[in-house]
N, C-alpha and C. Protein backbone atom coordinates (compact mmCIF):
# COMPACT_ATOMS: atom_id res chain seq x y z
N MET A 1 18.94 -6.19 61.27
CA MET A 1 17.96 -7.07 61.85
C MET A 1 18.56 -8.44 62.12
N LYS A 2 19.35 -8.97 61.16
CA LYS A 2 19.96 -10.28 61.34
C LYS A 2 20.88 -10.27 62.55
N ARG A 3 21.64 -9.21 62.69
CA ARG A 3 22.60 -9.12 63.78
C ARG A 3 21.88 -9.09 65.13
N LYS A 4 20.76 -8.33 65.20
CA LYS A 4 20.01 -8.27 66.45
C LYS A 4 19.45 -9.63 66.82
N LEU A 5 18.97 -10.38 65.83
CA LEU A 5 18.42 -11.70 66.09
C LEU A 5 19.51 -12.64 66.58
N THR A 6 20.67 -12.59 65.95
CA THR A 6 21.78 -13.45 66.35
C THR A 6 22.22 -13.11 67.77
N VAL A 7 22.33 -11.83 68.07
CA VAL A 7 22.74 -11.41 69.41
C VAL A 7 21.71 -11.86 70.44
N LEU A 8 20.44 -11.75 70.09
CA LEU A 8 19.37 -12.17 71.00
C LEU A 8 19.44 -13.67 71.26
N VAL A 9 19.66 -14.46 70.22
CA VAL A 9 19.75 -15.91 70.38
C VAL A 9 20.94 -16.28 71.25
N VAL A 10 22.09 -15.68 70.98
CA VAL A 10 23.29 -15.97 71.75
C VAL A 10 23.10 -15.57 73.21
N ALA A 11 22.53 -14.41 73.44
CA ALA A 11 22.30 -13.94 74.81
C ALA A 11 21.34 -14.87 75.56
N ALA A 12 20.29 -15.30 74.89
CA ALA A 12 19.32 -16.18 75.53
C ALA A 12 19.95 -17.53 75.88
N LEU A 13 20.72 -18.09 74.97
CA LEU A 13 21.36 -19.37 75.23
C LEU A 13 22.42 -19.26 76.33
N ALA A 14 23.19 -18.19 76.30
CA ALA A 14 24.22 -17.99 77.32
C ALA A 14 23.58 -17.80 78.69
N THR A 15 22.50 -17.05 78.74
CA THR A 15 21.80 -16.83 80.01
C THR A 15 21.27 -18.14 80.55
N GLY A 16 20.75 -18.98 79.68
CA GLY A 16 20.25 -20.27 80.11
C GLY A 16 21.34 -21.13 80.72
N LEU A 17 22.53 -21.07 80.15
CA LEU A 17 23.64 -21.85 80.70
C LEU A 17 24.12 -21.29 82.04
N VAL A 18 24.19 -19.97 82.14
CA VAL A 18 24.67 -19.33 83.35
C VAL A 18 23.68 -19.48 84.50
N MET A 19 22.40 -19.40 84.19
CA MET A 19 21.37 -19.44 85.22
C MET A 19 21.04 -20.85 85.67
N ASN A 20 21.71 -21.87 85.11
CA ASN A 20 21.36 -23.24 85.41
C ASN A 20 22.51 -24.03 86.04
N PRO A 21 23.29 -23.42 86.92
CA PRO A 21 24.35 -24.21 87.54
C PRO A 21 23.77 -25.15 88.59
N SER A 22 24.35 -26.31 88.71
CA SER A 22 23.84 -27.25 89.72
C SER A 22 24.46 -26.90 91.07
N ALA A 23 23.70 -27.14 92.11
CA ALA A 23 24.17 -26.83 93.46
C ALA A 23 25.20 -27.85 93.93
N MET A 24 25.11 -29.07 93.40
CA MET A 24 26.05 -30.12 93.79
C MET A 24 27.00 -30.42 92.64
N ALA A 25 28.04 -31.11 92.98
CA ALA A 25 29.01 -31.50 91.97
C ALA A 25 28.37 -32.47 90.98
N ALA A 26 28.78 -32.34 89.73
CA ALA A 26 28.24 -33.21 88.68
C ALA A 26 28.81 -34.62 88.84
N ASP A 27 28.07 -35.58 88.32
CA ASP A 27 28.54 -36.95 88.35
C ASP A 27 28.52 -37.53 86.93
N ALA A 28 28.87 -38.79 86.81
CA ALA A 28 28.96 -39.43 85.49
C ALA A 28 27.62 -39.43 84.78
N ALA A 29 26.54 -39.60 85.51
CA ALA A 29 25.21 -39.62 84.89
C ALA A 29 24.86 -38.26 84.28
N GLU A 30 25.20 -37.20 84.99
CA GLU A 30 24.94 -35.85 84.45
C GLU A 30 25.78 -35.61 83.20
N TYR A 31 27.02 -36.08 83.24
CA TYR A 31 27.88 -35.93 82.05
C TYR A 31 27.29 -36.69 80.88
N GLU A 32 26.85 -37.92 81.11
CA GLU A 32 26.27 -38.73 80.03
C GLU A 32 25.02 -38.05 79.46
N ALA A 33 24.20 -37.45 80.33
CA ALA A 33 23.00 -36.75 79.87
C ALA A 33 23.36 -35.53 79.03
N ALA A 34 24.34 -34.76 79.50
CA ALA A 34 24.78 -33.58 78.76
C ALA A 34 25.40 -33.98 77.42
N LEU A 35 26.15 -35.07 77.43
CA LEU A 35 26.77 -35.58 76.21
C LEU A 35 25.71 -36.04 75.21
N ALA A 36 24.71 -36.75 75.69
CA ALA A 36 23.64 -37.23 74.80
C ALA A 36 22.87 -36.07 74.20
N LYS A 37 22.60 -35.06 75.00
CA LYS A 37 21.89 -33.88 74.51
C LYS A 37 22.72 -33.15 73.45
N ALA A 38 24.00 -32.97 73.73
CA ALA A 38 24.89 -32.30 72.77
C ALA A 38 24.97 -33.08 71.47
N ARG A 39 25.09 -34.39 71.56
CA ARG A 39 25.18 -35.22 70.34
C ARG A 39 23.90 -35.16 69.52
N GLN A 40 22.75 -35.08 70.20
CA GLN A 40 21.47 -34.99 69.50
C GLN A 40 21.38 -33.66 68.74
N ILE A 41 21.80 -32.59 69.37
CA ILE A 41 21.77 -31.29 68.71
C ILE A 41 22.81 -31.24 67.59
N LEU A 42 23.97 -31.85 67.82
CA LEU A 42 25.00 -31.92 66.78
C LEU A 42 24.50 -32.70 65.57
N SER A 43 23.73 -33.73 65.81
CA SER A 43 23.16 -34.50 64.71
C SER A 43 22.23 -33.62 63.87
N ASP A 44 21.45 -32.79 64.55
CA ASP A 44 20.56 -31.86 63.84
C ASP A 44 21.38 -30.86 63.02
N ALA A 45 22.45 -30.34 63.61
CA ALA A 45 23.31 -29.39 62.89
C ALA A 45 23.96 -30.07 61.69
N GLU A 46 24.37 -31.32 61.87
CA GLU A 46 25.00 -32.05 60.77
C GLU A 46 24.01 -32.28 59.63
N SER A 47 22.77 -32.55 59.97
CA SER A 47 21.76 -32.77 58.93
C SER A 47 21.49 -31.49 58.13
N LYS A 48 21.77 -30.35 58.75
CA LYS A 48 21.60 -29.07 58.06
C LYS A 48 22.91 -28.59 57.42
N VAL A 49 23.93 -29.44 57.45
CA VAL A 49 25.25 -29.16 56.89
C VAL A 49 25.80 -27.85 57.46
N GLN A 50 25.78 -27.74 58.78
CA GLN A 50 26.22 -26.51 59.41
C GLN A 50 26.96 -26.82 60.71
N LEU A 51 27.86 -27.77 60.69
CA LEU A 51 28.63 -28.07 61.90
C LEU A 51 29.71 -27.02 62.12
N TRP A 52 29.97 -26.73 63.37
CA TRP A 52 31.07 -25.84 63.72
C TRP A 52 32.24 -26.71 64.15
N THR A 53 33.44 -26.28 63.82
CA THR A 53 34.63 -27.07 64.15
C THR A 53 34.89 -27.12 65.65
N THR A 54 34.36 -26.18 66.39
CA THR A 54 34.61 -26.13 67.83
C THR A 54 33.86 -27.21 68.60
N SER A 55 32.76 -27.69 68.07
CA SER A 55 31.93 -28.65 68.80
C SER A 55 32.68 -29.95 69.09
N ASP A 56 33.34 -30.51 68.10
CA ASP A 56 34.07 -31.76 68.30
C ASP A 56 35.22 -31.59 69.28
N VAL A 57 35.90 -30.46 69.21
CA VAL A 57 37.00 -30.19 70.13
C VAL A 57 36.49 -30.12 71.56
N LEU A 58 35.35 -29.44 71.75
CA LEU A 58 34.77 -29.35 73.09
C LEU A 58 34.35 -30.72 73.62
N LEU A 59 33.79 -31.55 72.76
CA LEU A 59 33.39 -32.90 73.19
C LEU A 59 34.61 -33.76 73.53
N GLU A 60 35.69 -33.61 72.78
CA GLU A 60 36.92 -34.34 73.09
C GLU A 60 37.47 -33.91 74.45
N ASP A 61 37.46 -32.59 74.69
CA ASP A 61 37.94 -32.07 75.98
C ASP A 61 37.03 -32.53 77.12
N ALA A 62 35.73 -32.60 76.85
CA ALA A 62 34.79 -33.09 77.86
C ALA A 62 35.07 -34.55 78.20
N ALA A 63 35.36 -35.34 77.19
CA ALA A 63 35.67 -36.76 77.41
C ALA A 63 36.95 -36.90 78.24
N LYS A 64 37.94 -36.08 77.96
CA LYS A 64 39.19 -36.11 78.73
C LYS A 64 38.93 -35.74 80.19
N ALA A 65 38.10 -34.70 80.39
CA ALA A 65 37.78 -34.28 81.76
C ALA A 65 37.02 -35.38 82.49
N ALA A 66 36.09 -36.03 81.80
CA ALA A 66 35.33 -37.11 82.43
C ALA A 66 36.24 -38.28 82.79
N THR A 67 37.17 -38.60 81.90
CA THR A 67 38.12 -39.69 82.16
C THR A 67 38.97 -39.37 83.39
N ALA A 68 39.30 -38.08 83.55
CA ALA A 68 40.10 -37.65 84.70
C ALA A 68 39.26 -37.52 85.96
N GLY A 69 37.94 -37.70 85.84
CA GLY A 69 37.08 -37.62 87.01
C GLY A 69 36.54 -36.24 87.30
N ASP A 70 36.82 -35.26 86.45
CA ASP A 70 36.33 -33.89 86.64
C ASP A 70 35.00 -33.73 85.90
N PHE A 71 33.94 -34.23 86.51
CA PHE A 71 32.64 -34.23 85.84
C PHE A 71 32.02 -32.84 85.75
N ASP A 72 32.38 -31.94 86.68
CA ASP A 72 31.89 -30.57 86.58
C ASP A 72 32.36 -29.94 85.27
N LEU A 73 33.66 -30.07 85.00
CA LEU A 73 34.22 -29.53 83.77
C LEU A 73 33.66 -30.28 82.56
N ALA A 74 33.53 -31.59 82.66
CA ALA A 74 33.01 -32.38 81.54
C ALA A 74 31.60 -31.95 81.16
N VAL A 75 30.75 -31.75 82.16
CA VAL A 75 29.37 -31.30 81.90
C VAL A 75 29.39 -29.91 81.29
N LYS A 76 30.22 -29.03 81.83
CA LYS A 76 30.32 -27.66 81.30
C LYS A 76 30.74 -27.68 79.83
N LEU A 77 31.73 -28.47 79.50
CA LEU A 77 32.21 -28.53 78.11
C LEU A 77 31.18 -29.18 77.18
N ALA A 78 30.50 -30.22 77.66
CA ALA A 78 29.46 -30.85 76.84
C ALA A 78 28.31 -29.88 76.59
N ASN A 79 27.94 -29.11 77.62
CA ASN A 79 26.89 -28.10 77.45
C ASN A 79 27.32 -27.01 76.47
N GLU A 80 28.58 -26.63 76.53
CA GLU A 80 29.09 -25.61 75.60
C GLU A 80 29.08 -26.15 74.17
N ALA A 81 29.43 -27.41 73.99
CA ALA A 81 29.37 -28.02 72.66
C ALA A 81 27.93 -28.02 72.16
N GLY A 82 26.99 -28.31 73.05
CA GLY A 82 25.58 -28.25 72.70
C GLY A 82 25.15 -26.85 72.30
N LEU A 83 25.65 -25.85 73.03
CA LEU A 83 25.36 -24.46 72.69
C LEU A 83 25.88 -24.12 71.30
N HIS A 84 27.09 -24.54 71.00
CA HIS A 84 27.66 -24.29 69.67
C HIS A 84 26.81 -24.96 68.59
N ALA A 85 26.32 -26.15 68.89
CA ALA A 85 25.47 -26.86 67.93
C ALA A 85 24.14 -26.12 67.75
N GLU A 86 23.56 -25.63 68.84
CA GLU A 86 22.31 -24.87 68.74
C GLU A 86 22.51 -23.61 67.90
N LEU A 87 23.62 -22.95 68.09
CA LEU A 87 23.91 -21.75 67.30
C LEU A 87 24.15 -22.11 65.83
N ALA A 88 24.75 -23.25 65.58
CA ALA A 88 24.95 -23.70 64.20
C ALA A 88 23.60 -23.97 63.53
N VAL A 89 22.68 -24.59 64.26
CA VAL A 89 21.34 -24.85 63.72
C VAL A 89 20.64 -23.53 63.44
N ALA A 90 20.74 -22.58 64.38
CA ALA A 90 20.11 -21.26 64.17
C ALA A 90 20.70 -20.56 62.95
N THR A 91 22.00 -20.69 62.76
CA THR A 91 22.65 -20.10 61.59
C THR A 91 22.13 -20.75 60.31
N ALA A 92 22.02 -22.06 60.31
CA ALA A 92 21.54 -22.78 59.12
C ALA A 92 20.11 -22.35 58.78
N GLU A 93 19.28 -22.23 59.80
CA GLU A 93 17.89 -21.84 59.56
C GLU A 93 17.80 -20.41 59.04
N ARG A 94 18.62 -19.52 59.59
CA ARG A 94 18.63 -18.13 59.12
C ARG A 94 19.13 -18.06 57.68
N GLU A 95 20.21 -18.77 57.39
CA GLU A 95 20.77 -18.74 56.04
C GLU A 95 19.81 -19.33 55.01
N LYS A 96 19.05 -20.32 55.41
CA LYS A 96 18.07 -20.91 54.50
C LYS A 96 17.03 -19.88 54.07
N LYS A 97 16.71 -18.97 54.97
CA LYS A 97 15.71 -17.95 54.67
C LYS A 97 16.25 -16.77 53.88
N VAL A 98 17.52 -16.41 54.09
CA VAL A 98 18.03 -15.16 53.53
C VAL A 98 19.13 -15.32 52.50
N TRP A 99 19.45 -16.53 52.07
CA TRP A 99 20.59 -16.70 51.17
C TRP A 99 20.43 -15.95 49.86
N GLN A 100 19.21 -15.80 49.39
CA GLN A 100 18.99 -15.12 48.10
C GLN A 100 19.44 -13.66 48.16
N LYS A 101 19.36 -13.05 49.32
CA LYS A 101 19.78 -11.65 49.46
C LYS A 101 21.29 -11.49 49.34
N SER A 102 22.02 -12.57 49.52
CA SER A 102 23.48 -12.51 49.44
C SER A 102 24.03 -12.74 48.04
N VAL A 103 23.18 -13.15 47.14
CA VAL A 103 23.61 -13.42 45.77
C VAL A 103 23.70 -12.11 45.01
N PRO A 104 24.85 -11.80 44.38
CA PRO A 104 24.96 -10.57 43.60
C PRO A 104 23.99 -10.58 42.42
N LYS A 105 23.48 -9.43 42.13
CA LYS A 105 22.52 -9.32 41.01
C LYS A 105 23.09 -8.55 39.86
């Protein structure tokens, strides 16, 4: 059951990212919005003590892409960091509910 729920969450989030491409090239404002959203979700994950190591790397790569002027890539990477943060939050919430089942008796 846990695996099905995780797969469902991942599929839903991935579908949302794939189905939401912009028709025009991204700009600095879109990058800043994606970055702010990712940071807000990362803050939530951090408060649940469930950060993934990939999120910071993705945000660093997004910043490099933005500095180079590739805002399409920067937005994509910031959104992916946000996705990782959302999955980290989902993991924390699931673990909070089921951790007792993992304790040996």
